[in-house]
Each structure stands twice: as structure tokens, then as C-alpha cells.
Full PDB file with SEQRES, HELIX, SHEET, SSBOND, CRYST1, ORIGX, SCALE, CONECT and MASTER records, all heavy atoms in Angstrom:
SEQRES   1 A   37  ALA VAL LEU ILE SER LEU VAL GLU MET ASP LYS LEU ASP          
SEQRES   2 A   37  ALA TRP ILE ALA VAL VAL ILE ILE CYS ARG GLU PHE ALA          
SEQRES   3 A   37  VAL THR GLY LEU ARG GLN ILE ALA LEU LEU GLU                  
HELIX    1 AA1 VAL A    2  GLU A    8  1                                   7    
HELIX    2 AA2 ALA A   14  LEU A   36  1                                  23    
CRYST1    1.000    1.000    1.000  90.00  90.00  90.00 P 1           1          
ORIGX1      1.000000  0.000000  0.000000        0.00000                         
ORIGX2      0.000000  1.000000  0.000000        0.00000                         
ORIGX3      0.000000  0.000000  1.000000        0.00000                         
SCALE1      1.000000  0.000000  0.000000        0.00000                         
SCALE2      0.000000  1.000000  0.000000        0.00000                         
SCALE3      0.000000  0.000000  1.000000        0.00000                         
ATOM      1  N   ALA A   1      64.166  79.520 141.559  1.00  0.00           N  
ATOM      2  CA  ALA A   1      62.852  79.731 140.979  1.00  0.00           C  
ATOM      3  C   ALA A   1      62.092  78.401 140.811  1.00  0.00           C  
ATOM      4  O   ALA A   1      60.916  78.338 141.081  1.00  0.00           O  
ATOM      5  CB  ALA A   1      63.032  80.458 139.652  1.00  0.00           C  
ATOM      6  N   VAL A   2      62.823  77.403 140.331  1.00  0.00           N  
ATOM      7  CA  VAL A   2      62.143  76.134 140.072  1.00  0.00           C  
ATOM      8  C   VAL A   2      61.778  75.443 141.398  1.00  0.00           C  
ATOM      9  O   VAL A   2      60.674  74.861 141.526  1.00  0.00           O  
ATOM     10  CB  VAL A   2      63.057  75.191 139.214  1.00  0.00           C  
ATOM     11  CG1 VAL A   2      62.435  73.813 139.102  1.00  0.00           C  
ATOM     12  CG2 VAL A   2      63.253  75.792 137.831  1.00  0.00           C  
ATOM     13  N   LEU A   3      62.666  75.509 142.386  1.00  0.00           N  
ATOM     14  CA  LEU A   3      62.355  74.892 143.678  1.00  0.00           C  
ATOM     15  C   LEU A   3      61.135  75.580 144.342  1.00  0.00           C  
ATOM     16  O   LEU A   3      60.283  74.866 144.865  1.00  0.00           O  
ATOM     17  CB  LEU A   3      63.571  75.032 144.604  1.00  0.00           C  
ATOM     18  CG  LEU A   3      64.812  74.210 144.225  1.00  0.00           C  
ATOM     19  CD1 LEU A   3      65.950  74.425 145.241  1.00  0.00           C  
ATOM     20  CD2 LEU A   3      64.480  72.724 144.146  1.00  0.00           C  
ATOM     21  N   ILE A   4      61.076  76.879 144.279  1.00  0.00           N  
ATOM     22  CA  ILE A   4      59.912  77.608 144.840  1.00  0.00           C  
ATOM     23  C   ILE A   4      58.646  77.199 144.092  1.00  0.00           C  
ATOM     24  O   ILE A   4      57.572  77.017 144.709  1.00  0.00           O  
ATOM     25  CB  ILE A   4      60.175  79.112 144.737  1.00  0.00           C  
ATOM     26  CG1 ILE A   4      61.325  79.544 145.685  1.00  0.00           C  
ATOM     27  CG2 ILE A   4      58.843  79.872 145.110  1.00  0.00           C  
ATOM     28  CD1 ILE A   4      61.731  80.972 145.513  1.00  0.00           C  
ATOM     29  N   SER A   5      58.716  77.049 142.803  1.00  0.00           N  
ATOM     30  CA  SER A   5      57.561  76.670 142.031  1.00  0.00           C  
ATOM     31  C   SER A   5      57.134  75.249 142.429  1.00  0.00           C  
ATOM     32  O   SER A   5      55.899  74.945 142.518  1.00  0.00           O  
ATOM     33  CB  SER A   5      57.875  76.671 140.511  1.00  0.00           C  
ATOM     34  OG  SER A   5      58.224  78.001 140.133  1.00  0.00           O  
ATOM     35  N   LEU A   6      58.069  74.327 142.602  1.00  0.00           N  
ATOM     36  CA  LEU A   6      57.763  72.962 142.991  1.00  0.00           C  
ATOM     37  C   LEU A   6      57.091  72.891 144.369  1.00  0.00           C  
ATOM     38  O   LEU A   6      56.227  72.058 144.622  1.00  0.00           O  
ATOM     39  CB  LEU A   6      59.013  72.105 142.940  1.00  0.00           C  
ATOM     40  CG  LEU A   6      59.576  71.828 141.516  1.00  0.00           C  
ATOM     41  CD1 LEU A   6      60.911  71.149 141.588  1.00  0.00           C  
ATOM     42  CD2 LEU A   6      58.573  71.000 140.694  1.00  0.00           C  
ATOM     43  N   VAL A   7      57.556  73.775 145.270  1.00  0.00           N  
ATOM     44  CA  VAL A   7      56.943  73.836 146.612  1.00  0.00           C  
ATOM     45  C   VAL A   7      55.495  74.359 146.510  1.00  0.00           C  
ATOM     46  O   VAL A   7      54.598  73.755 147.145  1.00  0.00           O  
ATOM     47  CB  VAL A   7      57.751  74.787 147.527  1.00  0.00           C  
ATOM     48  CG1 VAL A   7      56.960  75.070 148.843  1.00  0.00           C  
ATOM     49  CG2 VAL A   7      59.121  74.206 147.833  1.00  0.00           C  
ATOM     50  N   GLU A   8      55.276  75.296 145.625  1.00  0.00           N  
ATOM     51  CA  GLU A   8      53.927  75.833 145.398  1.00  0.00           C  
ATOM     52  C   GLU A   8      53.018  74.744 144.843  1.00  0.00           C  
ATOM     53  O   GLU A   8      51.825  74.718 145.107  1.00  0.00           O  
ATOM     54  CB  GLU A   8      53.995  77.004 144.413  1.00  0.00           C  
ATOM     55  CG  GLU A   8      52.683  77.586 144.003  1.00  0.00           C  
ATOM     56  CD  GLU A   8      51.884  78.206 145.169  1.00  0.00           C  
ATOM     57  OE1 GLU A   8      52.517  78.561 146.238  1.00  0.00           O  
ATOM     58  OE2 GLU A   8      50.651  78.346 145.024  1.00  0.00           O  
ATOM     59  N   MET A   9      53.628  73.830 144.054  1.00  0.00           N  
ATOM     60  CA  MET A   9      52.838  72.754 143.455  1.00  0.00           C  
ATOM     61  C   MET A   9      52.658  71.533 144.355  1.00  0.00           C  
ATOM     62  O   MET A   9      52.136  70.526 144.010  1.00  0.00           O  
ATOM     63  CB  MET A   9      53.502  72.313 142.155  1.00  0.00           C  
ATOM     64  CG  MET A   9      53.587  73.409 141.123  1.00  0.00           C  
ATOM     65  SD  MET A   9      54.696  72.925 139.706  1.00  0.00           S  
ATOM     66  CE  MET A   9      53.764  71.536 139.013  1.00  0.00           C  
ATOM     67  N   ASP A  10      53.194  71.637 145.614  1.00  0.00           N  
ATOM     68  CA  ASP A  10      53.211  70.586 146.600  1.00  0.00           C  
ATOM     69  C   ASP A  10      53.921  69.318 146.117  1.00  0.00           C  
ATOM     70  O   ASP A  10      53.599  68.208 146.458  1.00  0.00           O  
ATOM     71  CB  ASP A  10      51.729  70.193 146.953  1.00  0.00           C  
ATOM     72  CG  ASP A  10      51.020  71.269 147.726  1.00  0.00           C  
ATOM     73  OD1 ASP A  10      51.680  71.970 148.498  1.00  0.00           O  
ATOM     74  OD2 ASP A  10      49.827  71.430 147.531  1.00  0.00           O  
ATOM     75  N   LYS A  11      55.003  69.562 145.338  1.00  0.00           N  
ATOM     76  CA  LYS A  11      55.838  68.443 144.880  1.00  0.00           C  
ATOM     77  C   LYS A  11      57.102  68.344 145.639  1.00  0.00           C  
ATOM     78  O   LYS A  11      57.878  67.365 145.535  1.00  0.00           O  
ATOM     79  CB  LYS A  11      56.123  68.574 143.392  1.00  0.00           C  
ATOM     80  CG  LYS A  11      54.906  68.411 142.493  1.00  0.00           C  
ATOM     81  CD  LYS A  11      55.226  68.473 141.036  1.00  0.00           C  
ATOM     82  CE  LYS A  11      54.027  68.122 140.163  1.00  0.00           C  
ATOM     83  NZ  LYS A  11      53.559  66.685 140.410  1.00  0.00           N  
ATOM     84  N   LEU A  12      57.435  69.358 146.450  1.00  0.00           N  
ATOM     85  CA  LEU A  12      58.693  69.370 147.176  1.00  0.00           C  
ATOM     86  C   LEU A  12      58.429  69.971 148.578  1.00  0.00           C  
ATOM     87  O   LEU A  12      57.758  71.008 148.703  1.00  0.00           O  
ATOM     88  CB  LEU A  12      59.764  70.199 146.425  1.00  0.00           C  
ATOM     89  CG  LEU A  12      61.111  70.335 147.072  1.00  0.00           C  
ATOM     90  CD1 LEU A  12      61.860  69.002 147.130  1.00  0.00           C  
ATOM     91  CD2 LEU A  12      61.955  71.392 146.365  1.00  0.00           C  
ATOM     92  N   ASP A  13      59.029  69.349 149.587  1.00  0.00           N  
ATOM     93  CA  ASP A  13      58.942  69.874 150.941  1.00  0.00           C  
ATOM     94  C   ASP A  13      59.651  71.261 151.026  1.00  0.00           C  
ATOM     95  O   ASP A  13      60.731  71.365 150.493  1.00  0.00           O  
ATOM     96  CB  ASP A  13      59.520  68.959 151.969  1.00  0.00           C  
ATOM     97  CG  ASP A  13      58.700  67.663 152.142  1.00  0.00           C  
ATOM     98  OD1 ASP A  13      57.523  67.736 151.822  1.00  0.00           O  
ATOM     99  OD2 ASP A  13      59.265  66.685 152.559  1.00  0.00           O  
ATOM    100  N   ALA A  14      58.986  72.201 151.663  1.00  0.00           N  
ATOM    101  CA  ALA A  14      59.550  73.548 151.705  1.00  0.00           C  
ATOM    102  C   ALA A  14      60.929  73.625 152.413  1.00  0.00           C  
ATOM    103  O   ALA A  14      61.809  74.371 151.959  1.00  0.00           O  
ATOM    104  CB  ALA A  14      58.566  74.452 152.476  1.00  0.00           C  
ATOM    105  N   TRP A  15      61.121  72.794 153.427  1.00  0.00           N  
ATOM    106  CA  TRP A  15      62.420  72.796 154.141  1.00  0.00           C  
ATOM    107  C   TRP A  15      63.592  72.427 153.213  1.00  0.00           C  
ATOM    108  O   TRP A  15      64.705  72.934 153.379  1.00  0.00           O  
ATOM    109  CB  TRP A  15      62.373  71.880 155.386  1.00  0.00           C  
ATOM    110  CG  TRP A  15      62.378  70.474 155.122  1.00  0.00           C  
ATOM    111  CD1 TRP A  15      61.308  69.611 154.999  1.00  0.00           C  
ATOM    112  CD2 TRP A  15      63.515  69.614 154.981  1.00  0.00           C  
ATOM    113  NE1 TRP A  15      61.732  68.338 154.781  1.00  0.00           N  
ATOM    114  CE2 TRP A  15      63.057  68.296 154.714  1.00  0.00           C  
ATOM    115  CE3 TRP A  15      64.891  69.829 154.976  1.00  0.00           C  
ATOM    116  CZ2 TRP A  15      63.935  67.234 154.581  1.00  0.00           C  
ATOM    117  CZ3 TRP A  15      65.753  68.770 154.797  1.00  0.00           C  
ATOM    118  CH2 TRP A  15      65.277  67.478 154.591  1.00  0.00           C  
ATOM    119  N   ILE A  16      63.340  71.492 152.297  1.00  0.00           N  
ATOM    120  CA  ILE A  16      64.406  71.096 151.365  1.00  0.00           C  
ATOM    121  C   ILE A  16      64.747  72.258 150.466  1.00  0.00           C  
ATOM    122  O   ILE A  16      65.922  72.544 150.190  1.00  0.00           O  
ATOM    123  CB  ILE A  16      63.964  69.878 150.545  1.00  0.00           C  
ATOM    124  CG1 ILE A  16      63.824  68.667 151.463  1.00  0.00           C  
ATOM    125  CG2 ILE A  16      65.004  69.580 149.424  1.00  0.00           C  
ATOM    126  CD1 ILE A  16      63.413  67.435 150.698  1.00  0.00           C  
ATOM    127  N   ALA A  17      63.720  72.967 149.959  1.00  0.00           N  
ATOM    128  CA  ALA A  17      63.959  74.123 149.094  1.00  0.00           C  
ATOM    129  C   ALA A  17      64.735  75.201 149.915  1.00  0.00           C  
ATOM    130  O   ALA A  17      65.683  75.824 149.346  1.00  0.00           O  
ATOM    131  CB  ALA A  17      62.691  74.691 148.586  1.00  0.00           C  
ATOM    132  N   VAL A  18      64.356  75.463 151.127  1.00  0.00           N  
ATOM    133  CA  VAL A  18      65.007  76.474 151.954  1.00  0.00           C  
ATOM    134  C   VAL A  18      66.477  76.120 152.183  1.00  0.00           C  
ATOM    135  O   VAL A  18      67.397  76.954 152.044  1.00  0.00           O  
ATOM    136  CB  VAL A  18      64.262  76.650 153.305  1.00  0.00           C  
ATOM    137  CG1 VAL A  18      65.132  77.527 154.222  1.00  0.00           C  
ATOM    138  CG2 VAL A  18      62.926  77.274 153.092  1.00  0.00           C  
ATOM    139  N   VAL A  19      66.739  74.836 152.512  1.00  0.00           N  
ATOM    140  CA  VAL A  19      68.146  74.398 152.745  1.00  0.00           C  
ATOM    141  C   VAL A  19      68.981  74.618 151.503  1.00  0.00           C  
ATOM    142  O   VAL A  19      70.108  75.142 151.549  1.00  0.00           O  
ATOM    143  CB  VAL A  19      68.144  72.906 153.166  1.00  0.00           C  
ATOM    144  CG1 VAL A  19      69.604  72.333 153.067  1.00  0.00           C  
ATOM    145  CG2 VAL A  19      67.607  72.788 154.607  1.00  0.00           C  
ATOM    146  N   ILE A  20      68.457  74.197 150.366  1.00  0.00           N  
ATOM    147  CA  ILE A  20      69.220  74.310 149.115  1.00  0.00           C  
ATOM    148  C   ILE A  20      69.464  75.726 148.721  1.00  0.00           C  
ATOM    149  O   ILE A  20      70.601  76.099 148.353  1.00  0.00           O  
ATOM    150  CB  ILE A  20      68.526  73.536 147.993  1.00  0.00           C  
ATOM    151  CG1 ILE A  20      68.508  72.039 148.223  1.00  0.00           C  
ATOM    152  CG2 ILE A  20      69.183  73.846 146.640  1.00  0.00           C  
ATOM    153  CD1 ILE A  20      67.734  71.244 147.227  1.00  0.00           C  
ATOM    154  N   ILE A  21      68.431  76.588 148.801  1.00  0.00           N  
ATOM    155  CA  ILE A  21      68.555  77.971 148.383  1.00  0.00           C  
ATOM    156  C   ILE A  21      69.535  78.732 149.349  1.00  0.00           C  
ATOM    157  O   ILE A  21      70.395  79.474 148.861  1.00  0.00           O  
ATOM    158  CB  ILE A  21      67.194  78.657 148.419  1.00  0.00           C  
ATOM    159  CG1 ILE A  21      66.358  78.095 147.251  1.00  0.00           C  
ATOM    160  CG2 ILE A  21      67.347  80.159 148.208  1.00  0.00           C  
ATOM    161  CD1 ILE A  21      64.862  78.580 147.246  1.00  0.00           C  
ATOM    162  N   CYS A  22      69.426  78.478 150.619  1.00  0.00           N  
ATOM    163  CA  CYS A  22      70.319  79.152 151.603  1.00  0.00           C  
ATOM    164  C   CYS A  22      71.772  78.747 151.373  1.00  0.00           C  
ATOM    165  O   CYS A  22      72.632  79.585 151.376  1.00  0.00           O  
ATOM    166  CB  CYS A  22      69.920  78.781 153.030  1.00  0.00           C  
ATOM    167  SG  CYS A  22      68.421  79.591 153.582  1.00  0.00           S  
ATOM    168  N   ARG A  23      72.004  77.465 151.046  1.00  0.00           N  
ATOM    169  CA  ARG A  23      73.369  77.026 150.796  1.00  0.00           C  
ATOM    170  C   ARG A  23      73.925  77.673 149.531  1.00  0.00           C  
ATOM    171  O   ARG A  23      75.066  78.131 149.514  1.00  0.00           O  
ATOM    172  CB  ARG A  23      73.385  75.486 150.643  1.00  0.00           C  
ATOM    173  CG  ARG A  23      74.762  74.897 150.344  1.00  0.00           C  
ATOM    174  CD  ARG A  23      75.012  74.835 148.851  1.00  0.00           C  
ATOM    175  NE  ARG A  23      76.295  74.233 148.498  1.00  0.00           N  
ATOM    176  CZ  ARG A  23      76.919  74.432 147.343  1.00  0.00           C  
ATOM    177  NH1 ARG A  23      76.395  75.229 146.461  1.00  0.00           N  
ATOM    178  NH2 ARG A  23      78.048  73.848 147.127  1.00  0.00           N  
ATOM    179  N   GLU A  24      73.062  77.785 148.470  1.00  0.00           N  
ATOM    180  CA  GLU A  24      73.502  78.324 147.218  1.00  0.00           C  
ATOM    181  C   GLU A  24      73.963  79.786 147.390  1.00  0.00           C  
ATOM    182  O   GLU A  24      75.015  80.178 146.906  1.00  0.00           O  
ATOM    183  CB  GLU A  24      72.407  78.241 146.164  1.00  0.00           C  
ATOM    184  CG  GLU A  24      71.998  76.809 145.815  1.00  0.00           C  
ATOM    185  CD  GLU A  24      73.118  76.035 145.107  1.00  0.00           C  
ATOM    186  OE1 GLU A  24      74.097  76.641 144.704  1.00  0.00           O  
ATOM    187  OE2 GLU A  24      73.051  74.807 145.109  1.00  0.00           O  
ATOM    188  N   PHE A  25      73.155  80.589 148.088  1.00  0.00           N  
ATOM    189  CA  PHE A  25      73.516  81.967 148.208  1.00  0.00           C  
ATOM    190  C   PHE A  25      74.631  82.175 149.219  1.00  0.00           C  
ATOM    191  O   PHE A  25      75.415  83.117 149.130  1.00  0.00           O  
ATOM    192  CB  PHE A  25      72.302  82.766 148.615  1.00  0.00           C  
ATOM    193  CG  PHE A  25      71.332  82.997 147.445  1.00  0.00           C  
ATOM    194  CD1 PHE A  25      70.241  82.235 147.249  1.00  0.00           C  
ATOM    195  CD2 PHE A  25      71.642  84.018 146.566  1.00  0.00           C  
ATOM    196  CE1 PHE A  25      69.404  82.425 146.173  1.00  0.00           C  
ATOM    197  CE2 PHE A  25      70.816  84.264 145.479  1.00  0.00           C  
ATOM    198  CZ  PHE A  25      69.688  83.486 145.238  1.00  0.00           C  
ATOM    199  N   ALA A  26      74.766  81.283 150.201  1.00  0.00           N  
ATOM    200  CA  ALA A  26      75.894  81.360 151.153  1.00  0.00           C  
ATOM    201  C   ALA A  26      77.183  81.129 150.418  1.00  0.00           C  
ATOM    202  O   ALA A  26      78.175  81.859 150.651  1.00  0.00           O  
ATOM    203  CB  ALA A  26      75.706  80.341 152.282  1.00  0.00           C  
ATOM    204  N   VAL A  27      77.284  80.126 149.596  1.00  0.00           N  
ATOM    205  CA  VAL A  27      78.456  79.801 148.829  1.00  0.00           C  
ATOM    206  C   VAL A  27      78.758  80.922 147.801  1.00  0.00           C  
ATOM    207  O   VAL A  27      79.907  81.282 147.617  1.00  0.00           O  
ATOM    208  CB  VAL A  27      78.398  78.468 148.125  1.00  0.00           C  
ATOM    209  CG1 VAL A  27      79.569  78.225 147.216  1.00  0.00           C  
ATOM    210  CG2 VAL A  27      78.333  77.335 149.161  1.00  0.00           C  
ATOM    211  N   THR A  28      77.703  81.484 147.231  1.00  0.00           N  
ATOM    212  CA  THR A  28      77.887  82.599 146.301  1.00  0.00           C  
ATOM    213  C   THR A  28      78.521  83.777 147.012  1.00  0.00           C  
ATOM    214  O   THR A  28      79.402  84.439 146.519  1.00  0.00           O  
ATOM    215  CB  THR A  28      76.554  83.027 145.668  1.00  0.00           C  
ATOM    216  OG1 THR A  28      76.034  81.904 144.917  1.00  0.00           O  
ATOM    217  CG2 THR A  28      76.719  84.219 144.753  1.00  0.00           C  
ATOM    218  N   GLY A  29      78.060  84.008 148.279  1.00  0.00           N  
ATOM    219  CA  GLY A  29      78.651  85.106 149.067  1.00  0.00           C  
ATOM    220  C   GLY A  29      80.120  84.849 149.329  1.00  0.00           C  
ATOM    221  O   GLY A  29      80.937  85.752 149.282  1.00  0.00           O  
ATOM    222  N   LEU A  30      80.444  83.588 149.631  1.00  0.00           N  
ATOM    223  CA  LEU A  30      81.861  83.225 149.872  1.00  0.00           C  
ATOM    224  C   LEU A  30      82.699  83.463 148.626  1.00  0.00           C  
ATOM    225  O   LEU A  30      83.841  83.918 148.715  1.00  0.00           O  
ATOM    226  CB  LEU A  30      81.924  81.761 150.303  1.00  0.00           C  
ATOM    227  CG  LEU A  30      83.306  81.217 150.667  1.00  0.00           C  
ATOM    228  CD1 LEU A  30      83.884  81.929 151.880  1.00  0.00           C  
ATOM    229  CD2 LEU A  30      83.263  79.714 150.912  1.00  0.00           C  
ATOM    230  N   ARG A  31      82.152  83.149 147.465  1.00  0.00           N  
ATOM    231  CA  ARG A  31      82.890  83.353 146.203  1.00  0.00           C  
ATOM    232  C   ARG A  31      83.094  84.837 145.979  1.00  0.00           C  
ATOM    233  O   ARG A  31      84.149  85.244 145.469  1.00  0.00           O  
ATOM    234  CB  ARG A  31      82.092  82.779 145.068  1.00  0.00           C  
ATOM    235  CG  ARG A  31      82.066  81.253 145.023  1.00  0.00           C  
ATOM    236  CD  ARG A  31      81.323  80.744 143.746  1.00  0.00           C  
ATOM    237  NE  ARG A  31      81.165  79.306 143.718  1.00  0.00           N  
ATOM    238  CZ  ARG A  31      82.127  78.479 143.332  1.00  0.00           C  
ATOM    239  NH1 ARG A  31      83.298  78.878 142.958  1.00  0.00           N  
ATOM    240  NH2 ARG A  31      81.890  77.170 143.368  1.00  0.00           N  
ATOM    241  N   GLN A  32      82.140  85.695 146.339  1.00  0.00           N  
ATOM    242  CA  GLN A  32      82.271  87.112 146.172  1.00  0.00           C  
ATOM    243  C   GLN A  32      83.384  87.665 147.088  1.00  0.00           C  
ATOM    244  O   GLN A  32      84.141  88.545 146.704  1.00  0.00           O  
ATOM    245  CB  GLN A  32      80.973  87.822 146.417  1.00  0.00           C  
ATOM    246  CG  GLN A  32      79.875  87.475 145.441  1.00  0.00           C  
ATOM    247  CD  GLN A  32      80.225  87.675 143.999  1.00  0.00           C  
ATOM    248  OE1 GLN A  32      80.804  88.718 143.635  1.00  0.00           O  
ATOM    249  NE2 GLN A  32      79.960  86.672 143.197  1.00  0.00           N  
ATOM    250  N   ILE A  33      83.456  87.116 148.282  1.00  0.00           N  
ATOM    251  CA  ILE A  33      84.516  87.527 149.195  1.00  0.00           C  
ATOM    252  C   ILE A  33      85.876  87.119 148.614  1.00  0.00           C  
ATOM    253  O   ILE A  33      86.853  87.880 148.699  1.00  0.00           O  
ATOM    254  CB  ILE A  33      84.317  86.844 150.622  1.00  0.00           C  
ATOM    255  CG1 ILE A  33      83.023  87.398 151.251  1.00  0.00           C  
ATOM    256  CG2 ILE A  33      85.544  87.077 151.473  1.00  0.00           C  
ATOM    257  CD1 ILE A  33      82.702  86.683 152.579  1.00  0.00           C  
ATOM    258  N   ALA A  34      85.945  85.935 148.026  1.00  0.00           N  
ATOM    259  CA  ALA A  34      87.178  85.484 147.422  1.00  0.00           C  
ATOM    260  C   ALA A  34      87.591  86.427 146.287  1.00  0.00           C  
ATOM    261  O   ALA A  34      88.788  86.703 146.131  1.00  0.00           O  
ATOM    262  CB  ALA A  34      87.023  84.039 146.909  1.00  0.00           C  
ATOM    263  N   LEU A  35      86.641  86.836 145.431  1.00  0.00           N  
ATOM    264  CA  LEU A  35      86.912  87.723 144.342  1.00  0.00           C  
ATOM    265  C   LEU A  35      87.512  89.057 144.877  1.00  0.00           C  
ATOM    266  O   LEU A  35      88.393  89.641 144.248  1.00  0.00           O  
ATOM    267  CB  LEU A  35      85.665  88.016 143.507  1.00  0.00           C  
ATOM    268  CG  LEU A  35      85.215  86.855 142.612  1.00  0.00           C  
ATOM    269  CD1 LEU A  35      83.892  87.226 141.902  1.00  0.00           C  
ATOM    270  CD2 LEU A  35      86.283  86.504 141.582  1.00  0.00           C  
ATOM    271  N   LEU A  36      87.004  89.540 145.984  1.00  0.00           N  
ATOM    272  CA  LEU A  36      87.500  90.776 146.580  1.00  0.00           C  
ATOM    273  C   LEU A  36      88.953  90.604 147.009  1.00  0.00           C  
ATOM    274  O   LEU A  36      89.719  91.608 147.028  1.00  0.00           O  
ATOM    275  CB  LEU A  36      86.656  91.203 147.759  1.00  0.00           C  
ATOM    276  CG  LEU A  36      85.227  91.636 147.464  1.00  0.00           C  
ATOM    277  CD1 LEU A  36      84.444  91.949 148.744  1.00  0.00           C  
ATOM    278  CD2 LEU A  36      85.223  92.871 146.553  1.00  0.00           C  
ATOM    279  N   GLU A  37      89.320  89.395 147.298  1.00  0.00           N  
ATOM    280  CA  GLU A  37      90.701  89.059 147.689  1.00  0.00           C  
ATOM    281  C   GLU A  37      91.526  88.630 146.488  1.00  0.00           C  
ATOM    282  O   GLU A  37      92.650  88.095 146.654  1.00  0.00           O  
ATOM    283  CB  GLU A  37      90.688  87.988 148.783  1.00  0.00           C  
ATOM    284  CG  GLU A  37      89.970  88.333 150.038  1.00  0.00           C  
ATOM    285  CD  GLU A  37      90.700  89.377 150.866  1.00  0.00           C  
ATOM    286  OE1 GLU A  37      91.957  89.490 150.713  1.00  0.00           O  
ATOM    287  OE2 GLU A  37      90.031  90.098 151.658  1.00  0.00           O  
TER     288      GLU A  37                                                      
MASTER        0    0    0    2    0    0    0    6  287    1    0    3          
END                                                                             
């Protein structure tokens, strides 16, 4: 939420926000797979 807001304010490059957000949810998905195991 904060990264998206900072992009809207032109304080952060959008690609950096996309990279960080994608990584966060990818690792969260991996953790959920681990919990299933």
C-alpha cells in the first residue's frame, strides 16, 4: 500500500514497486505451500 502510494506521488519508480510487491507475494505463496506440507 505504501509503495503504491509513493509511486502515485512520483517519489518512487513504478518498476521498483512492482519488483518488491511481486517478490513479497511470491515468497508468501511459497510459505503457504510449505504450510500445506
